[in-house]
Protein backbone atom coordinates (compact mmCIF):
# COMPACT_ATOMS: atom_id res chain seq x y z
CA MET A 1 109.99 107.30 69.00
CA PRO A 2 112.74 106.55 72.34
CA ARG A 3 115.78 108.81 72.29
CA LEU A 4 118.68 106.70 71.22
CA LEU A 5 120.87 107.89 73.59
CA ASN A 6 118.55 106.83 76.57
CA TRP A 7 119.81 104.39 78.99
CA ASN A 8 116.81 101.50 78.22
CA VAL A 9 118.24 101.95 74.28
CA LEU A 10 121.93 101.69 75.55
CA VAL A 11 121.93 99.13 77.41
CA PRO A 12 120.42 96.22 75.56
CA VAL A 13 122.48 97.36 72.22
CA VAL A 14 126.05 97.21 74.29
CA GLY A 15 124.85 94.35 76.07
CA LEU A 16 124.53 92.46 72.73
CA LEU A 17 128.27 93.92 71.32
CA ILE A 18 129.67 92.67 74.63
CA LEU A 19 128.27 89.19 74.13
CA ALA A 20 129.74 88.74 70.73
CA VAL A 21 132.63 90.20 72.79
CA THR A 22 133.26 87.48 75.00
CA TRP A 23 130.74 84.50 74.03
CA THR A 24 133.83 82.51 73.04
CA SER A 25 136.45 83.39 75.89
CA LYS A 26 136.61 80.49 78.23
CA ASP A 27 138.04 82.24 81.02
CA PRO A 28 136.80 85.54 81.40
CA ALA A 29 138.95 88.26 83.43
CA GLY A 30 137.55 89.86 87.03
CA PRO A 31 136.74 93.43 85.14
CA VAL A 32 135.36 91.54 82.64
CA LEU A 33 133.07 89.68 84.77
CA VAL A 34 132.20 93.15 86.77
CA VAL A 35 130.87 94.45 83.39
CA VAL A 36 129.72 91.64 82.11
CA GLY A 37 127.37 91.82 85.56
CA ALA A 38 126.74 95.19 85.30
CA CYS A 39 125.06 94.61 81.64
CA LEU A 40 122.97 92.24 82.89
CA ALA A 41 121.91 94.30 85.71
CA GLY A 42 120.84 97.13 83.40
CA ALA A 43 119.88 94.64 80.41
CA VAL A 44 116.94 93.31 82.51
CA PRO A 45 114.80 96.28 83.37
CA ALA A 46 115.35 97.55 80.14
CA ALA A 47 113.85 94.83 78.27
CA VAL A 48 110.33 94.98 80.92
CA HIS A 49 110.98 98.56 80.10
CA HIS A 50 110.13 97.85 76.28
CA ALA A 51 107.70 94.76 77.18
CA GLU A 52 105.73 97.72 79.58
CA VAL A 53 105.58 100.13 76.03
CA VAL A 54 104.24 97.14 74.16
CA ALA A 55 102.08 96.52 76.84
CA HIS A 56 100.88 100.05 77.03
CA ARG A 57 99.81 99.61 73.64
CA VAL A 58 98.21 97.05 73.79
CA GLY A 59 95.85 97.57 76.72
CA GLU A 60 95.05 95.59 79.65
CA PRO A 61 94.40 92.46 80.59
CA TYR A 62 96.89 92.00 77.09
CA GLY A 63 99.58 94.27 78.62
CA ALA A 64 100.20 93.05 82.09
CA LEU A 65 100.52 89.22 79.58
CA VAL A 66 102.78 90.36 77.85
CA LEU A 67 104.56 91.38 80.72
CA ALA A 68 104.60 88.03 82.24
CA VAL A 69 105.57 86.55 79.21
CA ALA A 70 108.49 88.35 78.18
CA VAL A 71 109.87 88.18 82.80
CA THR A 72 109.38 84.31 81.67
CA VAL A 73 111.62 83.93 78.70
CA ILE A 74 114.10 85.74 80.42
CA GLU A 75 113.48 83.40 83.09
CA VAL A 76 113.79 80.15 81.36
CA GLY A 77 117.05 81.28 79.49
CA LEU A 78 118.44 81.76 82.98
CA ILE A 79 117.87 78.33 84.21
CA VAL A 80 118.76 76.39 81.00
CA MET A 81 121.81 78.26 80.87
CA LEU A 82 123.05 77.33 83.96
CA MET A 83 122.20 74.18 84.03
CA VAL A 84 124.14 73.77 80.95
CA THR A 85 126.83 75.32 81.89
CA GLY A 86 127.03 75.20 85.67
CA ASP A 87 129.52 73.60 87.60
CA SER A 88 127.87 72.25 90.60
CA ASP A 89 125.11 70.04 90.88
CA THR A 90 121.64 71.52 89.04
CA SER A 91 119.47 69.24 89.35
CA THR A 92 117.22 70.73 91.80
CA LEU A 93 117.59 74.32 89.87
CA ALA A 94 114.76 74.93 87.82
CA ARG A 95 112.57 73.36 91.28
CA ASP A 96 114.10 76.09 93.36
CA THR A 97 113.97 79.35 90.38
CA VAL A 98 109.93 78.79 89.59
CA PHE A 99 109.30 78.37 93.56
CA ALA A 100 111.44 81.30 94.32
CA ALA A 101 109.31 83.38 91.96
CA VAL A 102 106.52 81.86 93.64
CA MET A 103 107.15 83.30 96.87
CA ILE A 104 108.14 86.29 95.39
CA THR A 105 105.30 87.01 93.48
CA CYS A 106 102.57 85.58 95.71
CA ASN A 107 103.73 87.52 98.48
CA GLY A 108 106.45 89.93 97.69
CA ILE A 109 105.23 91.37 94.76
CA LEU A 110 101.23 90.78 96.16
CA GLY A 111 102.03 92.26 99.80
CA LEU A 112 104.30 95.52 98.78
CA SER A 113 101.20 95.92 96.47
CA LEU A 114 98.78 95.65 98.79
CA LEU A 115 100.74 97.71 101.56
CA VAL A 116 101.15 99.91 99.38
CA GLY A 117 97.64 100.97 98.19
CA ALA A 118 96.54 100.44 101.93
CA LEU A 119 98.46 103.12 102.67
CA ARG A 120 97.22 105.60 100.14
CA ARG A 121 93.75 105.02 100.43
CA GLY A 122 92.89 103.02 103.90
CA THR A 123 91.60 99.73 101.95
CA ALA A 124 93.28 98.05 98.91
CA SER A 125 89.82 97.31 96.79
CA PHE A 126 90.50 94.60 93.51
CA ASN A 127 88.56 92.32 91.73
CA ALA A 128 87.30 89.43 93.49
CA GLU A 129 86.18 87.08 91.73
CA GLY A 130 89.14 87.69 89.07
CA THR A 131 91.42 87.48 91.53
CA ALA A 132 90.80 84.34 93.05
CA SER A 133 89.93 82.26 89.93
CA ALA A 134 94.48 83.67 89.23
CA LEU A 135 95.52 82.27 92.68
CA ALA A 136 93.57 79.21 92.19
CA THR A 137 95.29 78.63 88.56
CA VAL A 138 98.39 79.26 90.68
CA LEU A 139 97.94 77.16 93.55
CA THR A 140 96.96 74.31 91.33
CA LEU A 141 99.90 74.58 88.71
CA ALA A 142 102.75 74.73 91.87
CA THR A 143 101.13 71.92 93.41
CA LEU A 144 100.98 69.27 90.24
CA SER A 145 104.62 70.61 89.56
CA LEU A 146 106.55 71.02 92.92
CA VAL A 147 104.83 69.11 95.02
CA VAL A 148 102.88 66.19 93.83
CA PRO A 149 106.75 64.78 92.54
CA ARG A 150 107.57 64.61 96.07
CA PHE A 151 104.99 61.99 96.64
CA THR A 152 105.02 59.95 93.42
CA THR A 153 107.09 56.47 93.15
CA SER A 154 107.72 55.80 89.47
CA GLU A 155 111.43 57.14 90.60
CA PRO A 156 113.28 57.03 93.62
CA GLY A 157 113.96 60.69 94.28
CA PRO A 158 111.56 63.54 94.37
CA GLU A 159 111.49 63.35 90.31
CA PHE A 160 108.52 62.55 87.55
CA SER A 161 109.29 59.83 84.99
CA GLY A 162 109.03 60.44 81.75
CA GLN A 163 105.66 60.20 81.47
CA GLN A 164 104.97 61.88 84.53
CA LEU A 165 107.15 64.99 83.54
CA ALA A 166 105.53 64.85 79.95
CA PHE A 167 101.66 64.99 81.58
CA ALA A 168 102.66 67.71 84.08
CA ALA A 169 104.10 70.20 80.84
CA VAL A 170 100.92 69.61 79.36
CA ALA A 171 98.76 69.98 82.22
CA SER A 172 100.71 73.06 82.94
CA LEU A 173 100.60 74.12 79.64
CA ALA A 174 97.09 73.99 79.49
CA LEU A 175 96.10 76.15 82.67
CA TYR A 176 98.17 78.53 81.56
CA LEU A 177 96.27 79.19 78.34
CA LEU A 178 92.87 77.75 79.42
CA PHE A 179 93.47 81.57 81.59
CA VAL A 180 94.79 83.13 79.13
CA PHE A 181 92.09 82.77 77.22
CA VAL A 182 89.61 83.39 79.62
CA GLN A 183 91.09 86.26 80.28
CA THR A 184 91.30 87.96 77.45
CA ILE A 185 87.95 86.34 75.50
CA ARG A 186 85.74 84.59 77.97
CA HIS A 187 85.30 86.75 81.08
CA PRO A 188 88.01 89.73 80.77
CA ASP A 189 85.47 92.21 82.65
CA ILE A 190 86.32 90.10 86.07
CA TYR A 191 90.20 91.57 85.50
CA GLN A 192 89.16 94.01 85.58
CA PRO A 193 89.03 96.85 88.47
CA VAL A 194 85.54 96.82 90.46
CA GLU A 195 84.79 100.30 89.49
CA ALA A 196 85.32 101.73 86.23
CA GLY A 197 86.12 104.59 87.47
CA GLU A 198 88.16 103.97 90.39
CA ASP A 199 91.09 106.30 89.05
CA ARG A 200 89.12 109.01 88.19
CA GLN A 201 87.25 109.60 91.52
CA ALA A 202 90.38 108.69 93.50
CA ARG A 203 91.79 111.98 91.71
CA ALA A 204 88.36 113.59 92.57
CA ASP A 205 88.91 113.06 95.78
CA GLY A 206 92.36 114.14 96.76
CA GLU A 207 91.88 117.31 94.58
CA ALA A 208 88.28 117.69 97.20
CA GLY A 209 90.12 116.69 99.91
CA GLY A 210 93.20 117.65 100.24
CA ASP A 211 95.70 114.70 98.98
CA ALA A 212 97.67 116.59 97.34
CA ASP A 213 100.01 113.32 96.72
CA LEU A 214 97.37 111.05 95.45
CA ALA A 215 96.37 113.73 92.97
CA ALA A 216 99.32 114.53 91.25
CA ASP A 217 99.95 110.83 90.85
CA GLY A 218 96.73 110.64 88.77
CA ALA A 219 97.55 113.66 86.98
CA ASP A 220 100.91 111.69 86.10
CA ALA A 221 99.13 108.60 85.11
CA ASP A 222 97.13 110.87 82.43
CA ASP A 223 99.90 112.88 81.39
CA GLU A 224 101.41 109.42 80.16
CA HIS A 225 100.35 108.90 76.82
CA ARG A 226 100.03 106.46 75.40
CA PRO A 227 102.78 104.40 72.56
CA SER A 228 102.61 104.53 68.92
CA THR A 229 102.07 101.98 66.63
CA ARG A 230 105.94 102.64 65.92
CA GLU A 231 107.00 103.39 69.11
CA ALA A 232 105.68 100.02 69.87
CA VAL A 233 107.49 98.34 67.25
CA PHE A 234 110.94 99.98 67.98
CA SER A 235 110.12 98.99 71.58
CA SER A 236 109.69 95.01 70.39
CA GLY A 237 112.81 95.31 68.64
CA LEU A 238 114.56 96.59 71.35
CA LEU A 239 112.73 93.90 74.04
CA PHE A 240 113.93 90.95 71.62
CA VAL A 241 117.49 92.81 71.54
CA ALA A 242 117.28 92.28 75.64
CA LEU A 243 116.43 89.13 75.91
CA VAL A 244 119.46 87.79 73.17
CA ALA A 245 122.00 90.40 75.83
CA VAL A 246 120.64 88.87 79.19
CA VAL A 247 120.55 84.92 78.18
CA GLY A 248 124.10 85.20 76.82
CA LEU A 249 125.39 87.12 79.65
CA ALA A 250 124.06 84.94 81.30
CA LYS A 251 126.04 82.45 80.28
CA ILE A 252 129.55 83.74 80.69
CA GLU A 253 128.46 85.11 84.25
CA THR A 254 127.49 81.86 85.26
CA PRO A 255 130.83 80.66 87.93
CA ALA A 256 130.49 84.18 89.05
CA ILE A 257 127.20 83.68 90.03
CA GLU A 258 128.10 80.64 92.26
CA ASP A 259 130.89 81.75 93.55
CA ALA A 260 129.02 84.36 94.94
CA VAL A 261 126.70 81.61 96.34
CA ASP A 262 129.64 79.69 97.58
CA ALA A 263 130.95 82.57 99.51
CA ILE A 264 128.49 83.71 101.83
CA GLY A 265 127.68 79.91 102.92
CA ALA A 266 124.51 79.74 101.25
CA PRO A 267 123.15 76.95 99.37
CA PRO A 268 122.68 75.44 95.94
CA SER A 269 119.11 76.38 96.03
CA ALA A 270 120.22 79.68 97.44
CA VAL A 271 120.92 80.51 93.08
CA GLY A 272 117.83 79.99 92.22
CA VAL A 273 116.49 82.93 94.59
CA VAL A 274 118.93 85.30 92.74
CA ILE A 275 117.94 84.64 89.73
CA ALA A 276 113.87 85.17 90.79
CA LEU A 277 115.15 88.82 92.42
CA LEU A 278 116.78 89.73 89.99
CA VAL A 279 114.33 88.52 86.87
CA LEU A 280 111.30 90.12 89.19
CA LEU A 281 113.03 93.12 90.70
CA PRO A 282 111.57 95.89 87.80
CA GLU A 283 108.13 94.38 87.75
CA ALA A 284 108.39 94.67 91.26
CA VAL A 285 108.88 98.40 90.40
CA THR A 286 106.50 98.22 88.06
CA ALA A 287 103.45 96.33 90.26
CA VAL A 288 104.09 99.17 92.70
CA ARG A 289 103.95 101.81 90.63
CA ASN A 290 100.44 100.98 89.77
CA ALA A 291 99.16 100.38 93.27
CA ARG A 292 100.49 103.81 94.18
CA ARG A 293 98.06 105.12 91.04
CA SER A 294 95.13 103.77 92.52
CA ARG A 295 95.19 100.57 89.66
CA MET A 296 95.46 98.13 92.51
CA GLN A 297 94.05 95.24 89.82
CA VAL A 298 96.88 96.09 87.47
CA SER A 299 99.53 95.25 90.39
CA ILE A 300 97.55 92.02 90.94
CA ASN A 301 97.51 90.44 87.74
CA LEU A 302 100.78 91.02 87.20
CA ALA A 303 101.87 89.28 89.96
CA LEU A 304 99.72 86.74 90.00
CA GLY A 305 99.54 86.68 86.45
CA SER A 306 103.83 86.23 86.31
CA ALA A 307 103.84 83.38 89.03
CA MET A 308 101.00 81.77 86.38
CA ALA A 309 103.79 81.73 83.47
CA SER A 310 106.63 80.97 85.85
CA ILE A 311 105.20 77.83 86.37
CA GLY A 312 102.84 77.24 83.23
CA LEU A 313 105.92 78.04 80.92
CA THR A 314 108.75 77.18 82.44
CA ILE A 315 108.04 73.93 83.03
CA PRO A 316 106.96 72.71 79.82
CA SER A 317 110.19 74.89 78.17
CA ILE A 318 112.66 72.91 81.05
CA ALA A 319 110.32 69.27 80.14
CA ILE A 320 111.67 69.74 76.35
CA ALA A 321 115.30 70.94 77.30
CA THR A 322 116.02 67.64 79.43
CA ILE A 323 115.94 65.99 75.69
CA TRP A 324 119.45 67.43 75.10
CA LEU A 325 120.44 68.05 79.07
CA ASP A 326 122.15 65.31 81.27
CA GLY A 327 121.12 64.38 84.76
CA PRO A 328 118.42 63.92 86.87
CA LEU A 329 115.41 67.01 87.24
CA VAL A 330 114.40 66.86 90.77
CA LEU A 331 111.24 69.31 90.70
CA GLY A 332 109.66 67.77 94.31
CA LEU A 333 109.60 70.60 97.06
CA GLY A 334 111.38 69.94 100.29
CA SER A 335 109.30 69.51 103.54
CA THR A 336 109.57 73.36 104.99
CA GLN A 337 109.04 74.38 101.15
CA ILE A 338 105.48 72.78 101.03
CA VAL A 339 104.59 74.35 104.27
CA LEU A 340 105.96 77.97 103.06
CA LEU A 341 103.37 76.39 100.02
CA ALA A 342 100.83 75.74 102.23
CA ILE A 343 100.81 78.84 104.88
CA THR A 344 100.90 81.12 101.32
CA ALA A 345 98.06 79.47 99.89
CA VAL A 346 95.81 79.72 103.20
CA VAL A 347 97.24 83.61 103.20
CA GLY A 348 96.71 84.64 99.94
CA ALA A 349 92.84 83.13 99.69
CA LEU A 350 91.99 84.42 103.02
CA THR A 351 93.14 87.90 101.44
CA VAL A 352 91.65 87.61 98.22
CA LEU A 353 88.39 86.29 98.99
CA PRO A 354 86.97 89.88 100.38
CA GLY A 355 87.79 91.60 97.00
CA ARG A 356 89.29 94.44 99.51
CA ALA A 357 92.41 94.32 102.02
CA THR A 358 94.49 96.17 104.55
CA VAL A 359 97.81 96.80 105.60
CA GLN A 360 97.85 94.22 107.87
CA GLU A 361 97.11 91.68 104.54
CA GLY A 362 99.67 93.09 103.14
CA GLY A 363 101.81 92.92 105.97
CA VAL A 364 101.49 89.04 106.86
CA HIS A 365 102.08 88.07 102.75
CA LEU A 366 105.75 90.08 103.48
CA ALA A 367 106.32 88.28 106.73
CA LEU A 368 106.16 84.71 104.57
CA LEU A 369 108.29 86.50 101.63
CA ALA A 370 110.77 87.26 104.76
CA ALA A 371 110.73 83.86 106.25
CA PHE A 372 111.27 82.50 103.00
CA LEU A 373 114.04 84.35 102.04
CA PHE A 374 115.81 83.86 105.83
CA LEU A 375 115.24 79.87 104.94
CA ALA A 376 116.83 80.15 101.38
CA VAL A 377 120.15 81.29 102.89
CA ASN A 378 119.46 78.96 105.88
CA PRO A 379 117.73 76.01 105.41
């Protein structure tokens, strides 16, 4: 059972208490917003931590799914809250956030994991078959939901009509559920490392060859005990508390987020980037940690699984939310964003097909992420 004074236990509880106190506040003072922001920033990694505990208990590939779904719940909650309470135009918020999540996962998390894995072992090896299947699903989802609206003619702008949005939502959810079925039931083997004894061999090589750091990482991995059922249940409860705190505190922090974006002179679309960075940062740390421990396939499953969940679950959720939300829902990407997505697709395919990558591939993906972040602030 986790200690009650651990930060990952205290932060969700404190965040929920602060939410209860400030929920009815119309215009919170500056110090209150600072406290709310601190709790919000702490509740996100706390939620991911407890999702990791549950994921460790259920094992792979279910663990990556638990993390991806938890992160997507946070993302959807933040998007809906900002669309409901935001003072500025939020018609493109869902598009900007989902696209940012795709770029951060497919270039940032994937690229950083490849770079770390290649630096540790010379090359980063993974299962090309499962990785290519996941990447193909991500790109299909991104094209159907974010590129096609740019070229439809039923609405005057880059928007779906009601029927088109319903089709995109159903198709996105169906593809995601099909991926989950294939990953967990039909062909789970293609989402596992190519060599079952990869970690054990890496530790043996480290000890024999004098690579003390790699051997130590392997020892650390062995020392991680599998959580008990009681610990998993406890973390499940705290995960729910943390998710409620994140979504509620985001509602209170909305004006401050928009003011911060305006203060640096960034376009409104940068709000979506901020949301995606906030939500995905803890997961990036988890992926890099797995890459350092020679669990490259787990890192890739996290990256692409999060991208897939971000589209496959967010688009249907937002489609349902539009029943109650006022205003248009712009999903079509701009020309610059389409170019970045196309380059990501080509580079991603060339990276995953060989089943191994060097620091070069990791660097290329990180360069694409840097270009996206720069252009998000300076379009």
